[in-house]
Amino acid sequence: MTASDEAALPPTGHAERTPLGRSPLLTIYGAAVVTLMMIFYALEPRSPRFTLAFAAACLGSSLYGWLAGTWPFGIVEAVWALVALRKWWQLRTP
């Protein structure tokens, strides 16, 4: 094994990184919260609870954006969370 081969290996004790330098766990988290967002958005007409769940998933997606270093995505998702919270508040009060 050459020195360049050893440099290509991940350091011992650390999680492997994706080609973009992100942890696979972060990628899985991002995929999970975006999937939940889509599910809750589709279920919104059934109950205000799904609107609240959609807002929570948007916050989770915003967190993913910040953790992944894509702060514009984090800001947009935070705004969507506020919009969904406002909608939920209006739906729950007669």
PDB file of N, CA and C in Angstrom:
ATOM      1  N   MET A   1       0.850  -1.173   0.000  1.00  0.00           N
ATOM      2  CA  MET A   1       0.000   0.000   0.000  1.00  0.00           C
ATOM      3  C   MET A   1       0.894   1.233   0.000  1.00  0.00           C
ATOM      4  N   THR A   2       0.612   2.128  -0.905  1.00  0.00           N
ATOM      5  CA  THR A   2       1.421   3.336  -1.016  1.00  0.00           C
ATOM      6  C   THR A   2       0.891   4.414  -0.075  1.00  0.00           C
ATOM      7  N   ALA A   3       1.648   5.484   0.073  1.00  0.00           N
ATOM      8  CA  ALA A   3       1.248   6.598   0.940  1.00  0.00           C
ATOM      9  C   ALA A   3      -0.031   7.245   0.430  1.00  0.00           C
ATOM     10  N   SER A   4      -0.205   7.323  -0.885  1.00  0.00           N
ATOM     11  CA  SER A   4      -1.433   7.934  -1.425  1.00  0.00           C
ATOM     12  C   SER A   4      -2.645   7.050  -1.161  1.00  0.00           C
ATOM     13  N   ASP A   5      -2.436   5.697  -1.143  1.00  0.00           N
ATOM     14  CA  ASP A   5      -3.533   4.792  -0.806  1.00  0.00           C
ATOM     15  C   ASP A   5      -3.950   4.972   0.648  1.00  0.00           C
ATOM     16  N   GLU A   6      -2.975   5.114   1.537  1.00  0.00           N
ATOM     17  CA  GLU A   6      -3.279   5.307   2.956  1.00  0.00           C
ATOM     18  C   GLU A   6      -3.978   6.638   3.188  1.00  0.00           C
ATOM     19  N   ALA A   7      -3.638   7.659   2.447  1.00  0.00           N
ATOM     20  CA  ALA A   7      -4.266   8.971   2.600  1.00  0.00           C
ATOM     21  C   ALA A   7      -5.729   8.937   2.171  1.00  0.00           C
ATOM     22  N   ALA A   8      -6.071   8.009   1.279  1.00  0.00           N
ATOM     23  CA  ALA A   8      -7.447   7.922   0.798  1.00  0.00           C
ATOM     24  C   ALA A   8      -8.365   7.210   1.790  1.00  0.00           C
ATOM     25  N   LEU A   9      -7.792   6.485   2.746  1.00  0.00           N
ATOM     26  CA  LEU A   9      -8.601   5.767   3.725  1.00  0.00           C
ATOM     27  C   LEU A   9      -9.125   6.720   4.800  1.00  0.00           C
ATOM     28  N   PRO A  10     -10.350   6.451   5.310  1.00  0.00           N
ATOM     29  CA  PRO A  10     -10.864   7.308   6.380  1.00  0.00           C
ATOM     30  C   PRO A  10     -10.064   7.078   7.660  1.00  0.00           C
ATOM     31  N   PRO A  11      -9.942   8.114   8.492  1.00  0.00           N
ATOM     32  CA  PRO A  11      -9.229   7.934   9.745  1.00  0.00           C
ATOM     33  C   PRO A  11      -9.935   6.909  10.630  1.00  0.00           C
ATOM     34  N   THR A  12      -9.173   6.173  11.374  1.00  0.00           N
ATOM     35  CA  THR A  12      -9.745   5.157  12.244  1.00  0.00           C
ATOM     36  C   THR A  12     -10.611   5.808  13.309  1.00  0.00           C
ATOM     37  N   GLY A  13     -11.773   5.190  13.560  1.00  0.00           N
ATOM     38  CA  GLY A  13     -12.651   5.689  14.604  1.00  0.00           C
ATOM     39  C   GLY A  13     -13.606   6.773  14.154  1.00  0.00           C
ATOM     40  N   HIS A  14     -13.558   7.183  12.902  1.00  0.00           N
ATOM     41  CA  HIS A  14     -14.456   8.212  12.395  1.00  0.00           C
ATOM     42  C   HIS A  14     -15.413   7.601  11.381  1.00  0.00           C
ATOM     43  N   ALA A  15     -16.610   8.164  11.313  1.00  0.00           N
ATOM     44  CA  ALA A  15     -17.578   7.701  10.323  1.00  0.00           C
ATOM     45  C   ALA A  15     -17.069   8.021   8.928  1.00  0.00           C
ATOM     46  N   GLU A  16     -17.389   7.137   8.005  1.00  0.00           N
ATOM     47  CA  GLU A  16     -17.010   7.409   6.625  1.00  0.00           C
ATOM     48  C   GLU A  16     -17.786   8.609   6.114  1.00  0.00           C
ATOM     49  N   ARG A  17     -17.226   9.276   5.153  1.00  0.00           N
ATOM     50  CA  ARG A  17     -17.860  10.458   4.579  1.00  0.00           C
ATOM     51  C   ARG A  17     -18.316  10.162   3.158  1.00  0.00           C
ATOM     52  N   THR A  18     -19.360  10.856   2.732  1.00  0.00           N
ATOM     53  CA  THR A  18     -19.821  10.741   1.356  1.00  0.00           C
ATOM     54  C   THR A  18     -18.881  11.559   0.475  1.00  0.00           C
ATOM     55  N   PRO A  19     -19.033  11.464  -0.848  1.00  0.00           N
ATOM     56  CA  PRO A  19     -18.146  12.239  -1.726  1.00  0.00           C
ATOM     57  C   PRO A  19     -18.172  13.743  -1.454  1.00  0.00           C
ATOM     58  N   LEU A  20     -19.279  14.263  -0.932  1.00  0.00           N
ATOM     59  CA  LEU A  20     -19.349  15.687  -0.636  1.00  0.00           C
ATOM     60  C   LEU A  20     -18.820  16.014   0.759  1.00  0.00           C
ATOM     61  N   GLY A  21     -18.345  15.011   1.479  1.00  0.00           N
ATOM     62  CA  GLY A  21     -17.778  15.241   2.795  1.00  0.00           C
ATOM     63  C   GLY A  21     -18.800  15.171   3.918  1.00  0.00           C
ATOM     64  N   ARG A  22     -20.031  14.740   3.626  1.00  0.00           N
ATOM     65  CA  ARG A  22     -21.059  14.657   4.651  1.00  0.00           C
ATOM     66  C   ARG A  22     -21.133  13.245   5.207  1.00  0.00           C
ATOM     67  N   SER A  23     -21.534  13.157   6.448  1.00  0.00           N
ATOM     68  CA  SER A  23     -21.731  11.864   7.081  1.00  0.00           C
ATOM     69  C   SER A  23     -22.945  11.171   6.472  1.00  0.00           C
ATOM     70  N   PRO A  24     -22.891   9.861   6.288  1.00  0.00           N
ATOM     71  CA  PRO A  24     -24.076   9.148   5.777  1.00  0.00           C
ATOM     72  C   PRO A  24     -25.285   9.308   6.708  1.00  0.00           C
ATOM     73  N   LEU A  25     -25.040   9.442   8.006  1.00  0.00           N
ATOM     74  CA  LEU A  25     -26.153   9.632   8.937  1.00  0.00           C
ATOM     75  C   LEU A  25     -26.872  10.950   8.674  1.00  0.00           C
ATOM     76  N   LEU A  26     -26.137  11.980   8.321  1.00  0.00           N
ATOM     77  CA  LEU A  26     -26.751  13.265   7.994  1.00  0.00           C
ATOM     78  C   LEU A  26     -27.603  13.143   6.735  1.00  0.00           C
ATOM     79  N   THR A  27     -27.117  12.395   5.764  1.00  0.00           N
ATOM     80  CA  THR A  27     -27.872  12.176   4.533  1.00  0.00           C
ATOM     81  C   THR A  27     -29.149  11.393   4.818  1.00  0.00           C
ATOM     82  N   ILE A  28     -29.059  10.379   5.644  1.00  0.00           N
ATOM     83  CA  ILE A  28     -30.238   9.583   6.007  1.00  0.00           C
ATOM     84  C   ILE A  28     -31.242  10.447   6.760  1.00  0.00           C
ATOM     85  N   TYR A  29     -30.758  11.282   7.687  1.00  0.00           N
ATOM     86  CA  TYR A  29     -31.628  12.192   8.423  1.00  0.00           C
ATOM     87  C   TYR A  29     -32.348  13.133   7.464  1.00  0.00           C
ATOM     88  N   GLY A  30     -31.611  13.721   6.533  1.00  0.00           N
ATOM     89  CA  GLY A  30     -32.205  14.642   5.565  1.00  0.00           C
ATOM     90  C   GLY A  30     -33.268  13.960   4.717  1.00  0.00           C
ATOM     91  N   ALA A  31     -32.992  12.769   4.254  1.00  0.00           N
ATOM     92  CA  ALA A  31     -33.966  12.026   3.447  1.00  0.00           C
ATOM     93  C   ALA A  31     -35.210  11.698   4.267  1.00  0.00           C
ATOM     94  N   ALA A  32     -35.015  11.364   5.536  1.00  0.00           N
ATOM     95  CA  ALA A  32     -36.149  11.012   6.400  1.00  0.00           C
ATOM     96  C   ALA A  32     -37.054  12.220   6.649  1.00  0.00           C
ATOM     97  N   VAL A  33     -36.471  13.376   6.967  1.00  0.00           N
ATOM     98  CA  VAL A  33     -37.327  14.534   7.262  1.00  0.00           C
ATOM     99  C   VAL A  33     -38.026  15.049   6.004  1.00  0.00           C
ATOM    100  N   VAL A  34     -37.379  14.985   4.861  1.00  0.00           N
ATOM    101  CA  VAL A  34     -38.034  15.416   3.629  1.00  0.00           C
ATOM    102  C   VAL A  34     -39.166  14.449   3.267  1.00  0.00           C
ATOM    103  N   THR A  35     -38.955  13.165   3.495  1.00  0.00           N
ATOM    104  CA  THR A  35     -40.015  12.180   3.259  1.00  0.00           C
ATOM    105  C   THR A  35     -41.204  12.453   4.177  1.00  0.00           C
ATOM    106  N   LEU A  36     -40.931  12.724   5.457  1.00  0.00           N
ATOM    107  CA  LEU A  36     -42.010  13.054   6.391  1.00  0.00           C
ATOM    108  C   LEU A  36     -42.739  14.320   5.971  1.00  0.00           C
ATOM    109  N   MET A  37     -41.996  15.301   5.493  1.00  0.00           N
ATOM    110  CA  MET A  37     -42.634  16.530   5.004  1.00  0.00           C
ATOM    111  C   MET A  37     -43.640  16.214   3.907  1.00  0.00           C
ATOM    112  N   MET A  38     -43.257  15.397   2.952  1.00  0.00           N
ATOM    113  CA  MET A  38     -44.148  15.074   1.837  1.00  0.00           C
ATOM    114  C   MET A  38     -45.381  14.313   2.319  1.00  0.00           C
ATOM    115  N   ILE A  39     -45.181  13.378   3.225  1.00  0.00           N
ATOM    116  CA  ILE A  39     -46.305  12.591   3.752  1.00  0.00           C
ATOM    117  C   ILE A  39     -47.282  13.494   4.495  1.00  0.00           C
ATOM    118  N   PHE A  40     -46.767  14.318   5.413  1.00  0.00           N
ATOM    119  CA  PHE A  40     -47.647  15.180   6.202  1.00  0.00           C
ATOM    120  C   PHE A  40     -48.323  16.242   5.337  1.00  0.00           C
ATOM    121  N   TYR A  41     -47.638  16.725   4.317  1.00  0.00           N
ATOM    122  CA  TYR A  41     -48.240  17.700   3.411  1.00  0.00           C
ATOM    123  C   TYR A  41     -49.425  17.070   2.677  1.00  0.00           C
ATOM    124  N   ALA A  42     -49.253  15.837   2.237  1.00  0.00           N
ATOM    125  CA  ALA A  42     -50.332  15.138   1.535  1.00  0.00           C
ATOM    126  C   ALA A  42     -51.517  14.864   2.460  1.00  0.00           C
ATOM    127  N   LEU A  43     -51.257  14.677   3.751  1.00  0.00           N
ATOM    128  CA  LEU A  43     -52.316  14.359   4.712  1.00  0.00           C
ATOM    129  C   LEU A  43     -52.935  15.587   5.376  1.00  0.00           C
ATOM    130  N   GLU A  44     -52.431  16.768   5.076  1.00  0.00           N
ATOM    131  CA  GLU A  44     -52.929  17.996   5.708  1.00  0.00           C
ATOM    132  C   GLU A  44     -54.448  18.163   5.660  1.00  0.00           C
ATOM    133  N   PRO A  45     -55.115  17.870   4.549  1.00  0.00           N
ATOM    134  CA  PRO A  45     -56.570  18.080   4.512  1.00  0.00           C
ATOM    135  C   PRO A  45     -57.353  17.216   5.510  1.00  0.00           C
ATOM    136  N   ARG A  46     -56.745  16.154   6.005  1.00  0.00           N
ATOM    137  CA  ARG A  46     -57.449  15.238   6.910  1.00  0.00           C
ATOM    138  C   ARG A  46     -57.599  15.765   8.329  1.00  0.00           C
ATOM    139  N   SER A  47     -56.609  16.537   8.799  1.00  0.00           N
ATOM    140  CA  SER A  47     -56.655  17.003  10.181  1.00  0.00           C
ATOM    141  C   SER A  47     -55.625  18.114  10.390  1.00  0.00           C
ATOM    142  N   PRO A  48     -55.941  19.081  11.265  1.00  0.00           N
ATOM    143  CA  PRO A  48     -54.947  20.101  11.598  1.00  0.00           C
ATOM    144  C   PRO A  48     -53.678  19.516  12.230  1.00  0.00           C
ATOM    145  N   ARG A  49     -53.796  18.334  12.797  1.00  0.00           N
ATOM    146  CA  ARG A  49     -52.610  17.684  13.387  1.00  0.00           C
ATOM    147  C   ARG A  49     -51.533  17.419  12.343  1.00  0.00           C
ATOM    148  N   PHE A  50     -51.972  17.093  11.136  1.00  0.00           N
ATOM    149  CA  PHE A  50     -50.999  16.849  10.071  1.00  0.00           C
ATOM    150  C   PHE A  50     -50.331  18.144   9.629  1.00  0.00           C
ATOM    151  N   THR A  51     -51.047  19.250   9.740  1.00  0.00           N
ATOM    152  CA  THR A  51     -50.442  20.549   9.440  1.00  0.00           C
ATOM    153  C   THR A  51     -49.365  20.858  10.470  1.00  0.00           C
ATOM    154  N   LEU A  52     -49.643  20.579  11.733  1.00  0.00           N
ATOM    155  CA  LEU A  52     -48.648  20.768  12.785  1.00  0.00           C
ATOM    156  C   LEU A  52     -47.457  19.832  12.575  1.00  0.00           C
ATOM    157  N   ALA A  53     -47.737  18.595  12.198  1.00  0.00           N
ATOM    158  CA  ALA A  53     -46.650  17.640  11.926  1.00  0.00           C
ATOM    159  C   ALA A  53     -45.813  18.102  10.733  1.00  0.00           C
ATOM    160  N   PHE A  54     -46.470  18.680   9.733  1.00  0.00           N
ATOM    161  CA  PHE A  54     -45.741  19.217   8.587  1.00  0.00           C
ATOM    162  C   PHE A  54     -44.808  20.342   9.028  1.00  0.00           C
ATOM    163  N   ALA A  55     -45.303  21.211   9.919  1.00  0.00           N
ATOM    164  CA  ALA A  55     -44.459  22.302  10.431  1.00  0.00           C
ATOM    165  C   ALA A  55     -43.241  21.744  11.166  1.00  0.00           C
ATOM    166  N   ALA A  56     -43.455  20.708  11.975  1.00  0.00           N
ATOM    167  CA  ALA A  56     -42.332  20.094  12.700  1.00  0.00           C
ATOM    168  C   ALA A  56     -41.324  19.473  11.727  1.00  0.00           C
ATOM    169  N   ALA A  57     -41.827  18.830  10.682  1.00  0.00           N
ATOM    170  CA  ALA A  57     -40.926  18.239   9.680  1.00  0.00           C
ATOM    171  C   ALA A  57     -40.152  19.332   8.940  1.00  0.00           C
ATOM    172  N   CYS A  58     -40.797  20.478   8.706  1.00  0.00           N
ATOM    173  CA  CYS A  58     -40.093  21.598   8.074  1.00  0.00           C
ATOM    174  C   CYS A  58     -38.964  22.099   8.969  1.00  0.00           C
ATOM    175  N   LEU A  59     -39.223  22.145  10.280  1.00  0.00           N
ATOM    176  CA  LEU A  59     -38.147  22.538  11.209  1.00  0.00           C
ATOM    177  C   LEU A  59     -37.003  21.536  11.168  1.00  0.00           C
ATOM    178  N   GLY A  60     -37.351  20.254  11.100  1.00  0.00           N
ATOM    179  CA  GLY A  60     -36.317  19.228  10.984  1.00  0.00           C
ATOM    180  C   GLY A  60     -35.525  19.365   9.696  1.00  0.00           C
ATOM    181  N   SER A  61     -36.207  19.704   8.631  1.00  0.00           N
ATOM    182  CA  SER A  61     -35.542  19.921   7.347  1.00  0.00           C
ATOM    183  C   SER A  61     -34.655  21.164   7.392  1.00  0.00           C
ATOM    184  N   SER A  62     -35.125  22.179   8.098  1.00  0.00           N
ATOM    185  CA  SER A  62     -34.310  23.385   8.266  1.00  0.00           C
ATOM    186  C   SER A  62     -33.021  23.054   9.024  1.00  0.00           C
ATOM    187  N   LEU A  63     -33.157  22.250  10.062  1.00  0.00           N
ATOM    188  CA  LEU A  63     -31.975  21.829  10.822  1.00  0.00           C
ATOM    189  C   LEU A  63     -31.003  21.085   9.913  1.00  0.00           C
ATOM    190  N   TYR A  64     -31.543  20.214   9.072  1.00  0.00           N
ATOM    191  CA  TYR A  64     -30.690  19.503   8.128  1.00  0.00           C
ATOM    192  C   TYR A  64     -29.931  20.494   7.236  1.00  0.00           C
ATOM    193  N   GLY A  65     -30.642  21.495   6.750  1.00  0.00           N
ATOM    194  CA  GLY A  65     -29.994  22.488   5.890  1.00  0.00           C
ATOM    195  C   GLY A  65     -28.826  23.165   6.580  1.00  0.00           C
ATOM    196  N   TRP A  66     -29.026  23.536   7.828  1.00  0.00           N
ATOM    197  CA  TRP A  66     -27.931  24.198   8.570  1.00  0.00           C
ATOM    198  C   TRP A  66     -26.777  23.227   8.825  1.00  0.00           C
ATOM    199  N   LEU A  67     -27.108  21.996   9.218  1.00  0.00           N
ATOM    200  CA  LEU A  67     -26.051  21.010   9.504  1.00  0.00           C
ATOM    201  C   LEU A  67     -25.261  20.634   8.247  1.00  0.00           C
ATOM    202  N   ALA A  68     -25.941  20.629   7.103  1.00  0.00           N
ATOM    203  CA  ALA A  68     -25.281  20.262   5.842  1.00  0.00           C
ATOM    204  C   ALA A  68     -24.505  21.430   5.244  1.00  0.00           C
ATOM    205  N   GLY A  69     -24.635  22.609   5.853  1.00  0.00           N
ATOM    206  CA  GLY A  69     -23.907  23.761   5.353  1.00  0.00           C
ATOM    207  C   GLY A  69     -24.616  24.471   4.207  1.00  0.00           C
ATOM    208  N   THR A  70     -25.894  24.171   4.017  1.00  0.00           N
ATOM    209  CA  THR A  70     -26.678  24.830   2.969  1.00  0.00           C
ATOM    210  C   THR A  70     -27.668  25.774   3.647  1.00  0.00           C
ATOM    211  N   TRP A  71     -27.131  26.853   4.183  1.00  0.00           N
ATOM    212  CA  TRP A  71     -27.947  27.766   4.990  1.00  0.00           C
ATOM    213  C   TRP A  71     -29.127  28.375   4.239  1.00  0.00           C
ATOM    214  N   PRO A  72     -29.061  28.625   2.912  1.00  0.00           N
ATOM    215  CA  PRO A  72     -30.272  29.133   2.252  1.00  0.00           C
ATOM    216  C   PRO A  72     -31.438  28.142   2.349  1.00  0.00           C
ATOM    217  N   PHE A  73     -31.138  26.865   2.218  1.00  0.00           N
ATOM    218  CA  PHE A  73     -32.157  25.823   2.380  1.00  0.00           C
ATOM    219  C   PHE A  73     -32.702  25.847   3.802  1.00  0.00           C
ATOM    220  N   GLY A  74     -31.820  26.022   4.782  1.00  0.00           N
ATOM    221  CA  GLY A  74     -32.247  26.095   6.172  1.00  0.00           C
ATOM    222  C   GLY A  74     -33.184  27.263   6.425  1.00  0.00           C
ATOM    223  N   ILE A  75     -32.908  28.398   5.806  1.00  0.00           N
ATOM    224  CA  ILE A  75     -33.763  29.575   5.975  1.00  0.00           C
ATOM    225  C   ILE A  75     -35.123  29.355   5.326  1.00  0.00           C
ATOM    226  N   VAL A  76     -35.132  28.846   4.098  1.00  0.00           N
ATOM    227  CA  VAL A  76     -36.398  28.617   3.389  1.00  0.00           C
ATOM    228  C   VAL A  76     -37.275  27.628   4.155  1.00  0.00           C
ATOM    229  N   GLU A  77     -36.693  26.572   4.659  1.00  0.00           N
ATOM    230  CA  GLU A  77     -37.478  25.585   5.404  1.00  0.00           C
ATOM    231  C   GLU A  77     -37.995  26.159   6.720  1.00  0.00           C
ATOM    232  N   ALA A  78     -37.225  27.033   7.357  1.00  0.00           N
ATOM    233  CA  ALA A  78     -37.701  27.685   8.582  1.00  0.00           C
ATOM    234  C   ALA A  78     -38.901  28.579   8.277  1.00  0.00           C
ATOM    235  N   VAL A  79     -38.865  29.267   7.148  1.00  0.00           N
ATOM    236  CA  VAL A  79     -39.998  30.104   6.736  1.00  0.00           C
ATOM    237  C   VAL A  79     -41.226  29.227   6.481  1.00  0.00           C
ATOM    238  N   TRP A  80     -41.036  28.101   5.787  1.00  0.00           N
ATOM    239  CA  TRP A  80     -42.157  27.184   5.560  1.00  0.00           C
ATOM    240  C   TRP A  80     -42.727  26.678   6.878  1.00  0.00           C
ATOM    241  N   ALA A  81     -41.873  26.434   7.848  1.00  0.00           N
ATOM    242  CA  ALA A  81     -42.352  25.986   9.157  1.00  0.00           C
ATOM    243  C   ALA A  81     -43.231  27.061   9.788  1.00  0.00           C
ATOM    244  N   LEU A  82     -42.833  28.327   9.692  1.00  0.00           N
ATOM    245  CA  LEU A  82     -43.642  29.426  10.236  1.00  0.00           C
ATOM    246  C   LEU A  82     -44.981  29.544   9.507  1.00  0.00           C
ATOM    247  N   VAL A  83     -44.961  29.397   8.192  1.00  0.00           N
ATOM    248  CA  VAL A  83     -46.198  29.441   7.414  1.00  0.00           C
ATOM    249  C   VAL A  83     -47.134  28.308   7.843  1.00  0.00           C
ATOM    250  N   ALA A  84     -46.596  27.117   8.011  1.00  0.00           N
ATOM    251  CA  ALA A  84     -47.411  25.968   8.420  1.00  0.00           C
ATOM    252  C   ALA A  84     -47.938  26.143   9.843  1.00  0.00           C
ATOM    253  N   LEU A  85     -47.127  26.699  10.734  1.00  0.00           N
ATOM    254  CA  LEU A  85     -47.601  26.947  12.098  1.00  0.00           C
ATOM    255  C   LEU A  85     -48.740  27.956  12.112  1.00  0.00           C
ATOM    256  N   ARG A  86     -48.617  28.981  11.305  1.00  0.00           N
ATOM    257  CA  ARG A  86     -49.691  29.977  11.208  1.00  0.00           C
ATOM    258  C   ARG A  86     -50.961  29.331  10.679  1.00  0.00           C
ATOM    259  N   LYS A  87     -50.838  28.487   9.657  1.00  0.00           N
ATOM    260  CA  LYS A  87     -51.995  27.799   9.095  1.00  0.00           C
ATOM    261  C   LYS A  87     -52.633  26.888  10.141  1.00  0.00           C
ATOM    262  N   TRP A  88     -51.809  26.147  10.886  1.00  0.00           N
ATOM    263  CA  TRP A  88     -52.324  25.270  11.940  1.00  0.00           C
ATOM    264  C   TRP A  88     -53.072  26.084  12.999  1.00  0.00           C
ATOM    265  N   TRP A  89     -52.496  27.210  13.395  1.00  0.00           N
ATOM    266  CA  TRP A  89     -53.127  28.059  14.413  1.00  0.00           C
ATOM    267  C   TRP A  89     -54.500  28.533  13.936  1.00  0.00           C
ATOM    268  N   GLN A  90     -54.591  28.915  12.682  1.00  0.00           N
ATOM    269  CA  GLN A  90     -55.865  29.379  12.131  1.00  0.00           C
ATOM    270  C   GLN A  90     -56.877  28.236  12.009  1.00  0.00           C
ATOM    271  N   LEU A  91     -56.413  27.044  11.708  1.00  0.00           N
ATOM    272  CA  LEU A  91     -57.320  25.898  11.568  1.00  0.00           C
ATOM    273  C   LEU A  91     -57.876  25.431  12.915  1.00  0.00           C
ATOM    274  N   ARG A  92     -57.096  25.570  13.965  1.00  0.00           N
ATOM    275  CA  ARG A  92     -57.519  25.040  15.261  1.00  0.00           C
ATOM    276  C   ARG A  92     -58.417  25.971  16.024  1.00  0.00           C
ATOM    277  N   THR A  93     -58.445  27.269  15.684  1.00  0.00           N
ATOM    278  CA  THR A  93     -59.296  28.212  16.398  1.00  0.00           C
ATOM    279  C   THR A  93     -60.498  28.549  15.520  1.00  0.00           C
ATOM    280  N   PRO A  94     -61.716  28.271  16.019  1.00  0.00           N
ATOM    281  CA  PRO A  94     -62.920  28.528  15.202  1.00  0.00           C
ATOM    282  C   PRO A  94     -63.234  29.999  15.048  1.00  0.00           C
TER     283      PRO A  94
END
